[in-house]
Amino acid sequence: MLVSRVSISRTVVVRVEDYEAYYKKQRADSNCGFAEEFEDLKLVGTAQAKTSALAMENKSKNRYNNVLPYDSSRVKLSIHGSPFDDYINSNYIPGYNSRKEFIAAQGPLPGTVNEFWRMIWEKNVQTLVMLTRCNEQGRVSTHTHTHAHETRAHAHTFSVLERECKTSHAASVCRIYSHLLQCSFSG
């Protein structure tokens, strides 16, 4: 069974054998059914607490003020001094094997690149998928991290080397990095 029409008020269950008909119905009239489902999704989760994201010390770490991690599922980094060192704009996403199987994160800002790579290291991320353009509508949408990047964070040197990169030909929207980190601790 597939569950569709995620809404605060209702959920529609679609049996696998009925999916083709459901899909055709949703696609009709210029994808009107899918557009309605998308509108329903805008309200999902809006009532969840986002206290850490809204803390004065963390506001500058958020690229957008309307895309914030939920307190209940946010990724927490190790603390290195300040109690706000654990904040990064990212949430765990459940998967088949674990409630914390995936991480969804905003594209790093110039001031959060260190935290981004620290998250990758601390959470032992093996594959990173970037689903955004680096520039959208003339604005930077993610601080570029596609080249070898070396940064110093909390007295440790993280050297990030791009070993494999697959770029779609559709305006470089999706980049996949595998086996990203080589880390040397110094100092």
N, C-alpha and C. Protein backbone atom coordinates (compact mmCIF):
# COMPACT_ATOMS: atom_id res chain seq x y z
N MET A 1 0.83 -1.19 0.00
CA MET A 1 0.00 0.00 0.00
C MET A 1 0.87 1.24 0.00
N LEU A 2 0.41 2.24 -0.67
CA LEU A 2 1.07 3.54 -0.68
C LEU A 2 0.16 4.53 0.02
N VAL A 3 0.75 5.39 0.81
CA VAL A 3 -0.04 6.41 1.49
C VAL A 3 0.18 7.71 0.76
N SER A 4 -0.89 8.40 0.49
CA SER A 4 -0.80 9.66 -0.23
C SER A 4 -1.69 10.68 0.46
N ARG A 5 -1.67 11.85 -0.08
CA ARG A 5 -2.52 12.94 0.41
C ARG A 5 -2.25 13.20 1.88
N VAL A 6 -0.99 13.43 2.19
CA VAL A 6 -0.62 13.73 3.56
C VAL A 6 -1.21 15.07 3.91
N SER A 7 -2.06 15.07 4.87
CA SER A 7 -2.75 16.28 5.26
C SER A 7 -2.97 16.25 6.76
N ILE A 8 -3.12 17.40 7.35
CA ILE A 8 -3.40 17.46 8.77
C ILE A 8 -4.73 16.78 9.06
N SER A 9 -5.69 16.89 8.16
CA SER A 9 -7.02 16.38 8.42
C SER A 9 -7.28 14.98 7.89
N ARG A 10 -6.54 14.53 6.88
CA ARG A 10 -6.84 13.21 6.32
C ARG A 10 -5.64 12.62 5.59
N THR A 11 -5.70 11.30 5.47
CA THR A 11 -4.69 10.56 4.72
C THR A 11 -5.43 9.59 3.82
N VAL A 12 -5.05 9.52 2.58
CA VAL A 12 -5.66 8.62 1.62
C VAL A 12 -4.70 7.47 1.38
N VAL A 13 -5.20 6.25 1.48
CA VAL A 13 -4.39 5.07 1.23
C VAL A 13 -4.64 4.63 -0.20
N VAL A 14 -3.57 4.41 -0.96
CA VAL A 14 -3.68 3.96 -2.34
C VAL A 14 -3.07 2.56 -2.42
N ARG A 15 -3.85 1.59 -2.82
CA ARG A 15 -3.34 0.23 -2.98
C ARG A 15 -2.41 0.20 -4.19
N VAL A 16 -1.40 -0.63 -4.13
CA VAL A 16 -0.40 -0.71 -5.20
C VAL A 16 -1.07 -0.99 -6.54
N GLU A 17 -2.03 -1.90 -6.55
CA GLU A 17 -2.69 -2.24 -7.81
C GLU A 17 -3.54 -1.09 -8.36
N ASP A 18 -3.84 -0.10 -7.54
CA ASP A 18 -4.62 1.07 -7.98
C ASP A 18 -3.75 2.28 -8.28
N TYR A 19 -2.44 2.14 -8.10
CA TYR A 19 -1.57 3.30 -8.21
C TYR A 19 -1.56 3.92 -9.60
N GLU A 20 -1.56 3.13 -10.64
CA GLU A 20 -1.51 3.69 -11.99
C GLU A 20 -2.71 4.60 -12.25
N ALA A 21 -3.90 4.18 -11.86
CA ALA A 21 -5.10 5.01 -12.04
C ALA A 21 -5.01 6.26 -11.17
N TYR A 22 -4.53 6.09 -9.94
CA TYR A 22 -4.36 7.23 -9.04
C TYR A 22 -3.40 8.26 -9.65
N TYR A 23 -2.28 7.77 -10.18
CA TYR A 23 -1.27 8.64 -10.78
C TYR A 23 -1.85 9.42 -11.95
N LYS A 24 -2.59 8.74 -12.81
CA LYS A 24 -3.19 9.42 -13.97
C LYS A 24 -4.18 10.48 -13.52
N LYS A 25 -4.95 10.18 -12.49
CA LYS A 25 -5.92 11.16 -11.96
C LYS A 25 -5.18 12.38 -11.40
N GLN A 26 -4.10 12.16 -10.67
CA GLN A 26 -3.34 13.26 -10.07
C GLN A 26 -2.67 14.12 -11.14
N ARG A 27 -2.25 13.51 -12.24
CA ARG A 27 -1.58 14.23 -13.33
C ARG A 27 -2.54 15.03 -14.19
N ALA A 28 -3.80 14.67 -14.18
CA ALA A 28 -4.79 15.34 -15.03
C ALA A 28 -4.83 16.84 -14.73
N ASP A 29 -5.25 17.59 -15.70
CA ASP A 29 -5.38 19.05 -15.56
C ASP A 29 -4.09 19.70 -15.07
N SER A 30 -3.01 19.46 -15.80
CA SER A 30 -1.71 20.07 -15.49
C SER A 30 -1.23 19.75 -14.07
N ASN A 31 -1.35 18.49 -13.69
CA ASN A 31 -0.89 18.01 -12.38
C ASN A 31 -1.65 18.63 -11.22
N CYS A 32 -2.90 18.95 -11.43
CA CYS A 32 -3.71 19.62 -10.41
C CYS A 32 -3.76 18.82 -9.10
N GLY A 33 -3.93 17.50 -9.20
CA GLY A 33 -3.98 16.66 -7.99
C GLY A 33 -2.70 16.73 -7.19
N PHE A 34 -1.57 16.68 -7.88
CA PHE A 34 -0.29 16.78 -7.18
C PHE A 34 -0.10 18.17 -6.58
N ALA A 35 -0.55 19.20 -7.27
CA ALA A 35 -0.45 20.56 -6.74
C ALA A 35 -1.26 20.69 -5.45
N GLU A 36 -2.44 20.07 -5.41
CA GLU A 36 -3.26 20.11 -4.19
C GLU A 36 -2.56 19.39 -3.05
N GLU A 37 -1.96 18.24 -3.33
CA GLU A 37 -1.22 17.51 -2.30
C GLU A 37 -0.06 18.34 -1.77
N PHE A 38 0.63 19.01 -2.68
CA PHE A 38 1.76 19.85 -2.28
C PHE A 38 1.28 20.96 -1.35
N GLU A 39 0.16 21.58 -1.67
CA GLU A 39 -0.40 22.63 -0.81
C GLU A 39 -0.73 22.08 0.57
N ASP A 40 -1.29 20.85 0.63
CA ASP A 40 -1.60 20.23 1.91
C ASP A 40 -0.34 20.03 2.75
N LEU A 41 0.76 19.70 2.11
CA LEU A 41 2.01 19.44 2.82
C LEU A 41 2.59 20.69 3.48
N LYS A 42 2.26 21.85 2.98
CA LYS A 42 2.84 23.09 3.53
C LYS A 42 2.53 23.27 5.01
N LEU A 43 1.42 22.70 5.48
CA LEU A 43 1.03 22.86 6.88
C LEU A 43 1.59 21.78 7.79
N VAL A 44 2.04 20.68 7.22
CA VAL A 44 2.52 19.56 8.02
C VAL A 44 3.77 19.99 8.80
N GLY A 45 3.74 19.77 10.10
CA GLY A 45 4.89 20.05 10.95
C GLY A 45 5.05 21.48 11.40
N THR A 46 4.19 22.38 10.96
CA THR A 46 4.38 23.79 11.31
C THR A 46 4.19 24.07 12.79
N ALA A 47 3.51 23.18 13.50
CA ALA A 47 3.28 23.39 14.93
C ALA A 47 4.40 22.80 15.79
N GLN A 48 5.36 22.12 15.19
CA GLN A 48 6.45 21.52 15.97
C GLN A 48 7.40 22.59 16.49
N ALA A 49 7.96 22.32 17.67
CA ALA A 49 8.87 23.28 18.30
C ALA A 49 10.17 23.41 17.51
N LYS A 50 10.63 24.66 17.41
CA LYS A 50 11.89 24.98 16.72
C LYS A 50 12.70 25.94 17.60
N THR A 51 12.70 25.67 18.90
CA THR A 51 13.32 26.56 19.88
C THR A 51 14.80 26.80 19.62
N SER A 52 15.55 25.73 19.35
CA SER A 52 16.99 25.89 19.11
C SER A 52 17.27 26.74 17.89
N ALA A 53 16.51 26.52 16.83
CA ALA A 53 16.70 27.29 15.59
C ALA A 53 16.40 28.76 15.78
N LEU A 54 15.47 29.06 16.68
CA LEU A 54 15.06 30.45 16.90
C LEU A 54 15.86 31.16 17.98
N ALA A 55 16.77 30.44 18.66
CA ALA A 55 17.61 31.08 19.67
C ALA A 55 18.45 32.17 19.00
N MET A 56 18.59 33.30 19.67
CA MET A 56 19.31 34.44 19.12
C MET A 56 20.70 34.04 18.62
N GLU A 57 21.38 33.15 19.36
CA GLU A 57 22.74 32.74 19.01
C GLU A 57 22.77 31.88 17.75
N ASN A 58 21.64 31.31 17.35
CA ASN A 58 21.60 30.41 16.20
C ASN A 58 20.93 30.99 14.96
N LYS A 59 20.25 32.11 15.10
CA LYS A 59 19.50 32.66 13.96
C LYS A 59 20.39 32.92 12.75
N SER A 60 21.61 33.36 12.97
CA SER A 60 22.51 33.67 11.84
C SER A 60 23.00 32.40 11.14
N LYS A 61 22.74 31.24 11.72
CA LYS A 61 23.16 29.97 11.12
C LYS A 61 22.08 29.40 10.19
N ASN A 62 20.96 30.10 10.08
CA ASN A 62 19.86 29.65 9.22
C ASN A 62 19.85 30.47 7.95
N ARG A 63 19.89 29.80 6.82
CA ARG A 63 19.86 30.50 5.53
C ARG A 63 18.52 31.20 5.33
N TYR A 64 17.44 30.53 5.68
CA TYR A 64 16.09 31.07 5.51
C TYR A 64 15.38 31.03 6.86
N ASN A 65 14.57 32.04 7.15
CA ASN A 65 13.88 32.05 8.43
C ASN A 65 12.63 31.19 8.45
N ASN A 66 12.27 30.60 7.32
CA ASN A 66 11.09 29.73 7.28
C ASN A 66 11.45 28.27 7.00
N VAL A 67 12.73 27.94 7.00
CA VAL A 67 13.19 26.56 6.82
C VAL A 67 14.07 26.24 8.02
N LEU A 68 13.43 25.71 9.07
CA LEU A 68 14.11 25.51 10.35
C LEU A 68 13.98 24.07 10.82
N PRO A 69 15.00 23.55 11.50
CA PRO A 69 14.92 22.17 12.00
C PRO A 69 14.02 22.08 13.24
N TYR A 70 13.31 20.97 13.34
CA TYR A 70 12.47 20.70 14.51
C TYR A 70 13.34 20.26 15.67
N ASP A 71 13.02 20.71 16.88
CA ASP A 71 13.77 20.30 18.06
C ASP A 71 13.76 18.78 18.23
N SER A 72 12.66 18.15 17.90
CA SER A 72 12.50 16.70 18.14
C SER A 72 13.38 15.83 17.25
N SER A 73 13.82 16.35 16.11
CA SER A 73 14.59 15.50 15.19
C SER A 73 15.84 16.19 14.65
N ARG A 74 16.24 17.29 15.26
CA ARG A 74 17.40 18.00 14.72
C ARG A 74 18.68 17.25 15.01
N VAL A 75 19.66 17.42 14.14
CA VAL A 75 20.99 16.83 14.33
C VAL A 75 21.72 17.69 15.34
N LYS A 76 22.29 17.06 16.36
CA LYS A 76 23.05 17.78 17.37
C LYS A 76 24.52 17.44 17.23
N LEU A 77 25.33 18.48 17.16
CA LEU A 77 26.78 18.31 17.09
C LEU A 77 27.35 18.25 18.51
N SER A 78 28.57 17.77 18.64
CA SER A 78 29.22 17.77 19.95
C SER A 78 29.48 19.22 20.37
N ILE A 79 29.47 19.45 21.66
CA ILE A 79 29.65 20.81 22.18
C ILE A 79 31.13 21.04 22.46
N HIS A 80 31.64 22.19 21.99
CA HIS A 80 33.04 22.55 22.18
C HIS A 80 33.14 23.92 22.85
N GLY A 81 32.55 24.08 24.00
CA GLY A 81 32.64 25.35 24.70
C GLY A 81 31.28 25.97 24.94
N SER A 82 30.71 26.57 23.93
CA SER A 82 29.40 27.21 24.04
C SER A 82 28.29 26.17 23.92
N PRO A 83 27.21 26.31 24.70
CA PRO A 83 26.10 25.37 24.56
C PRO A 83 25.43 25.45 23.20
N PHE A 84 25.72 26.49 22.43
CA PHE A 84 25.11 26.65 21.11
C PHE A 84 25.98 26.02 20.01
N ASP A 85 27.13 25.43 20.38
CA ASP A 85 27.99 24.75 19.42
C ASP A 85 27.34 23.52 18.80
N ASP A 86 26.26 23.03 19.43
CA ASP A 86 25.63 21.80 18.93
C ASP A 86 24.65 22.07 17.80
N TYR A 87 24.42 23.33 17.44
CA TYR A 87 23.38 23.65 16.46
C TYR A 87 23.89 23.67 15.03
N ILE A 88 23.15 23.01 14.17
CA ILE A 88 23.30 23.12 12.72
C ILE A 88 21.91 22.97 12.14
N ASN A 89 21.61 23.68 11.06
CA ASN A 89 20.28 23.62 10.47
C ASN A 89 20.15 22.32 9.68
N SER A 90 19.77 21.26 10.39
CA SER A 90 19.59 19.95 9.75
C SER A 90 18.71 19.07 10.63
N ASN A 91 18.02 18.16 9.99
CA ASN A 91 17.14 17.21 10.67
C ASN A 91 17.45 15.80 10.23
N TYR A 92 17.26 14.85 11.15
CA TYR A 92 17.29 13.45 10.79
C TYR A 92 15.99 13.11 10.06
N ILE A 93 16.10 12.18 9.12
CA ILE A 93 14.93 11.68 8.40
C ILE A 93 14.92 10.17 8.56
N PRO A 94 13.77 9.61 8.95
CA PRO A 94 13.72 8.16 9.11
C PRO A 94 13.84 7.45 7.78
N GLY A 95 14.39 6.25 7.84
CA GLY A 95 14.50 5.39 6.67
C GLY A 95 13.99 4.00 6.99
N TYR A 96 14.36 3.05 6.19
CA TYR A 96 13.90 1.68 6.38
C TYR A 96 14.52 1.04 7.62
N ASN A 97 15.78 1.34 7.90
CA ASN A 97 16.51 0.69 8.99
C ASN A 97 16.58 1.48 10.29
N SER A 98 16.34 2.77 10.24
CA SER A 98 16.55 3.59 11.43
C SER A 98 15.74 4.88 11.35
N ARG A 99 15.41 5.42 12.54
CA ARG A 99 14.73 6.72 12.58
C ARG A 99 15.70 7.86 12.24
N LYS A 100 16.98 7.57 12.23
CA LYS A 100 18.01 8.57 11.92
C LYS A 100 18.86 8.11 10.73
N GLU A 101 18.22 7.57 9.71
CA GLU A 101 18.96 6.99 8.59
C GLU A 101 19.53 8.04 7.64
N PHE A 102 18.83 9.16 7.50
CA PHE A 102 19.26 10.21 6.57
C PHE A 102 19.32 11.53 7.31
N ILE A 103 20.04 12.48 6.74
CA ILE A 103 20.11 13.84 7.27
C ILE A 103 19.76 14.79 6.14
N ALA A 104 18.82 15.69 6.41
CA ALA A 104 18.51 16.77 5.47
C ALA A 104 19.11 18.05 6.06
N ALA A 105 19.93 18.73 5.28
CA ALA A 105 20.60 19.93 5.78
C ALA A 105 20.48 21.04 4.76
N GLN A 106 20.49 22.27 5.26
CA GLN A 106 20.52 23.40 4.34
C GLN A 106 21.91 23.47 3.71
N GLY A 107 22.00 24.11 2.57
CA GLY A 107 23.31 24.36 1.98
C GLY A 107 24.08 25.26 2.93
N PRO A 108 25.35 24.98 3.18
CA PRO A 108 26.10 25.76 4.15
C PRO A 108 26.22 27.23 3.77
N LEU A 109 26.19 28.06 4.77
CA LEU A 109 26.50 29.49 4.63
C LEU A 109 28.01 29.65 4.79
N PRO A 110 28.58 30.77 4.37
CA PRO A 110 30.02 30.96 4.59
C PRO A 110 30.42 30.76 6.06
N GLY A 111 29.56 31.17 6.98
CA GLY A 111 29.86 31.04 8.40
C GLY A 111 29.51 29.70 9.02
N THR A 112 28.92 28.77 8.24
CA THR A 112 28.56 27.46 8.79
C THR A 112 29.23 26.30 8.07
N VAL A 113 30.18 26.60 7.19
CA VAL A 113 30.87 25.53 6.46
C VAL A 113 31.59 24.60 7.44
N ASN A 114 32.26 25.16 8.45
CA ASN A 114 32.96 24.31 9.43
C ASN A 114 31.99 23.37 10.12
N GLU A 115 30.84 23.88 10.56
CA GLU A 115 29.85 23.05 11.23
C GLU A 115 29.30 21.98 10.29
N PHE A 116 29.11 22.34 9.02
CA PHE A 116 28.61 21.39 8.04
C PHE A 116 29.54 20.19 7.93
N TRP A 117 30.84 20.47 7.74
CA TRP A 117 31.79 19.37 7.59
C TRP A 117 32.01 18.64 8.91
N ARG A 118 31.87 19.34 10.03
CA ARG A 118 31.96 18.67 11.34
C ARG A 118 30.80 17.69 11.49
N MET A 119 29.61 18.08 11.03
CA MET A 119 28.46 17.18 11.07
C MET A 119 28.73 15.93 10.21
N ILE A 120 29.26 16.15 9.00
CA ILE A 120 29.56 15.02 8.12
C ILE A 120 30.53 14.07 8.82
N TRP A 121 31.55 14.62 9.47
CA TRP A 121 32.54 13.81 10.16
C TRP A 121 31.94 13.12 11.39
N GLU A 122 31.31 13.89 12.28
CA GLU A 122 30.79 13.32 13.53
C GLU A 122 29.72 12.26 13.29
N LYS A 123 28.91 12.44 12.28
CA LYS A 123 27.81 11.50 12.02
C LYS A 123 28.21 10.41 11.04
N ASN A 124 29.48 10.41 10.65
CA ASN A 124 30.04 9.38 9.78
C ASN A 124 29.25 9.23 8.47
N VAL A 125 28.96 10.36 7.85
CA VAL A 125 28.22 10.37 6.59
C VAL A 125 29.12 9.82 5.49
N GLN A 126 28.63 8.84 4.76
CA GLN A 126 29.41 8.21 3.69
C GLN A 126 29.08 8.78 2.31
N THR A 127 27.87 9.24 2.14
CA THR A 127 27.44 9.76 0.84
C THR A 127 26.68 11.05 1.05
N LEU A 128 26.99 12.04 0.25
CA LEU A 128 26.34 13.34 0.32
C LEU A 128 25.69 13.60 -1.03
N VAL A 129 24.41 13.93 -1.02
CA VAL A 129 23.69 14.26 -2.24
C VAL A 129 23.27 15.72 -2.14
N MET A 130 23.69 16.52 -3.11
CA MET A 130 23.33 17.93 -3.12
C MET A 130 22.25 18.14 -4.17
N LEU A 131 21.08 18.60 -3.72
CA LEU A 131 19.94 18.77 -4.61
C LEU A 131 19.59 20.24 -4.78
N THR A 132 20.55 21.03 -5.14
CA THR A 132 20.31 22.45 -5.35
C THR A 132 21.34 22.98 -6.32
N ARG A 133 21.02 24.08 -6.92
CA ARG A 133 22.01 24.81 -7.71
C ARG A 133 22.79 25.69 -6.74
N CYS A 134 24.03 25.93 -7.04
CA CYS A 134 24.82 26.80 -6.17
C CYS A 134 24.33 28.24 -6.24
N ASN A 135 23.78 28.62 -7.38
CA ASN A 135 23.20 29.95 -7.56
C ASN A 135 21.80 29.79 -8.15
N GLU A 136 20.83 30.44 -7.53
CA GLU A 136 19.46 30.41 -8.04
C GLU A 136 18.94 31.84 -8.10
N GLN A 137 18.41 32.21 -9.24
CA GLN A 137 17.85 33.54 -9.46
C GLN A 137 18.85 34.64 -9.08
N GLY A 138 20.11 34.43 -9.45
CA GLY A 138 21.13 35.43 -9.20
C GLY A 138 21.64 35.50 -7.78
N ARG A 139 21.18 34.60 -6.91
CA ARG A 139 21.61 34.60 -5.51
C ARG A 139 22.31 33.28 -5.18
N VAL A 140 23.29 33.35 -4.29
CA VAL A 140 23.97 32.14 -3.84
C VAL A 140 23.01 31.35 -2.96
N SER A 141 22.78 30.08 -3.31
CA SER A 141 21.86 29.25 -2.53
C SER A 141 22.60 28.24 -1.66
N THR A 142 23.88 28.08 -1.87
CA THR A 142 24.70 27.25 -1.00
C THR A 142 26.15 27.68 -1.17
N HIS A 143 26.87 27.74 -0.06
CA HIS A 143 28.28 28.08 -0.13
C HIS A 143 28.98 26.89 -0.77
N THR A 144 29.66 27.11 -1.87
CA THR A 144 30.25 26.03 -2.66
C THR A 144 31.22 25.21 -1.83
N HIS A 145 31.05 23.92 -1.92
CA HIS A 145 31.97 23.00 -1.26
C HIS A 145 32.30 21.86 -2.20
N THR A 146 32.43 22.19 -3.51
CA THR A 146 32.65 21.16 -4.51
C THR A 146 34.13 20.92 -4.81
N HIS A 147 35.00 21.75 -4.32
CA HIS A 147 36.42 21.56 -4.55
C HIS A 147 37.06 21.10 -3.25
N ALA A 148 38.28 20.63 -3.34
CA ALA A 148 38.98 20.23 -2.12
C ALA A 148 38.89 21.39 -1.14
N HIS A 149 38.47 21.09 0.05
CA HIS A 149 38.20 22.12 1.03
C HIS A 149 38.96 21.76 2.30
N GLU A 150 39.68 22.69 2.79
CA GLU A 150 40.40 22.44 4.03
C GLU A 150 40.00 23.52 5.01
N THR A 151 39.63 23.10 6.19
CA THR A 151 39.19 24.06 7.18
C THR A 151 39.70 23.66 8.56
N ARG A 152 39.84 24.62 9.41
CA ARG A 152 40.30 24.37 10.77
C ARG A 152 39.13 24.62 11.70
N ALA A 153 38.78 23.61 12.47
CA ALA A 153 37.64 23.74 13.38
C ALA A 153 37.99 23.11 14.72
N HIS A 154 37.93 23.89 15.75
CA HIS A 154 38.14 23.40 17.11
C HIS A 154 39.46 22.64 17.25
N ALA A 155 40.52 23.21 16.75
CA ALA A 155 41.88 22.69 16.87
C ALA A 155 42.10 21.39 16.12
N HIS A 156 41.21 21.04 15.23
CA HIS A 156 41.40 19.86 14.38
C HIS A 156 41.32 20.32 12.94
N THR A 157 42.13 19.73 12.10
CA THR A 157 42.09 20.07 10.68
C THR A 157 41.30 19.01 9.95
N PHE A 158 40.28 19.44 9.25
CA PHE A 158 39.47 18.55 8.44
C PHE A 158 39.83 18.80 6.98
N SER A 159 40.33 17.82 6.31
CA SER A 159 40.59 17.94 4.89
C SER A 159 39.52 17.17 4.15
N VAL A 160 38.75 17.85 3.34
CA VAL A 160 37.67 17.23 2.61
C VAL A 160 38.08 17.14 1.15
N LEU A 161 38.14 15.95 0.64
CA LEU A 161 38.56 15.74 -0.73
C LEU A 161 37.42 15.14 -1.52
N GLU A 162 37.14 15.72 -2.66
CA GLU A 162 36.12 15.18 -3.55
C GLU A 162 36.75 14.03 -4.32
N ARG A 163 36.26 12.83 -4.08
CA ARG A 163 36.82 11.66 -4.76
C ARG A 163 35.97 11.23 -5.93
N GLU A 164 34.69 11.43 -5.82
CA GLU A 164 33.80 11.03 -6.90
C GLU A 164 32.70 12.07 -7.00
N CYS A 165 32.45 12.53 -8.18
CA CYS A 165 31.38 13.51 -8.36
C CYS A 165 30.64 13.18 -9.63
N LYS A 166 29.35 13.00 -9.49
CA LYS A 166 28.50 12.80 -10.66
C LYS A 166 27.58 14.00 -10.73
N THR A 167 27.58 14.66 -11.84
CA THR A 167 26.75 15.85 -12.00
C THR A 167 25.74 15.59 -13.09
N SER A 168 24.48 15.86 -12.78
CA SER A 168 23.47 15.71 -13.82
C SER A 168 23.65 16.84 -14.82
N HIS A 169 23.21 16.64 -16.03
CA HIS A 169 23.34 17.67 -17.05
C HIS A 169 22.20 18.67 -16.99
N ALA A 170 21.29 18.49 -16.05
CA ALA A 170 20.16 19.41 -15.90
C ALA A 170 20.57 20.54 -14.95
N ALA A 171 21.42 21.40 -15.42
CA ALA A 171 21.84 22.60 -14.69
C ALA A 171 22.55 22.29 -13.38
N SER A 172 23.29 21.21 -13.33
CA SER A 172 24.06 20.85 -12.14
C SER A 172 23.22 20.84 -10.88
N VAL A 173 22.08 20.20 -10.94
CA VAL A 173 21.16 20.19 -9.81
C VAL A 173 21.55 19.14 -8.79
N CYS A 174 22.03 18.00 -9.21
CA CYS A 174 22.31 16.92 -8.28
C CYS A 174 23.77 16.53 -8.35
N ARG A 175 24.44 16.58 -7.23
CA ARG A 175 25.83 16.14 -7.16
C ARG A 175 25.90 15.07 -6.08
N ILE A 176 26.61 14.01 -6.36
CA ILE A 176 26.74 12.94 -5.39
C ILE A 176 28.22 12.78 -5.06
N TYR A 177 28.54 12.84 -3.78
CA TYR A 177 29.91 12.68 -3.32
C TYR A 177 29.96 11.40 -2.48
N SER A 178 30.90 10.56 -2.75
CA SER A 178 31.04 9.33 -1.97
C SER A 178 32.41 9.28 -1.32
N HIS A 179 32.47 8.69 -0.15
CA HIS A 179 33.72 8.50 0.58
C HIS A 179 34.47 9.84 0.67
N LEU A 180 33.83 10.78 1.30
CA LEU A 180 34.28 12.16 1.27
C LEU A 180 35.51 12.50 2.10
N LEU A 181 35.54 12.05 3.32
CA LEU A 181 36.45 12.68 4.26
C LEU A 181 37.76 11.93 4.46
N GLN A 182 38.81 12.69 4.41
CA GLN A 182 40.09 12.24 4.94
C GLN A 182 40.36 13.22 6.05
N CYS A 183 40.59 12.72 7.22
CA CYS A 183 40.73 13.63 8.34
C CYS A 183 42.07 13.42 9.01
N SER A 184 42.75 14.51 9.22
CA SER A 184 43.99 14.45 9.98
C SER A 184 43.83 15.41 11.15
N PHE A 185 44.09 14.93 12.32
CA PHE A 185 43.98 15.78 13.50
C PHE A 185 45.35 16.35 13.81
N SER A 186 45.40 17.65 13.89
CA SER A 186 46.66 18.29 14.23
C SER A 186 46.40 19.38 15.24
N GLY A 187 47.29 19.58 16.11
CA GLY A 187 47.18 20.63 17.10
C GLY A 187 46.25 20.27 18.16
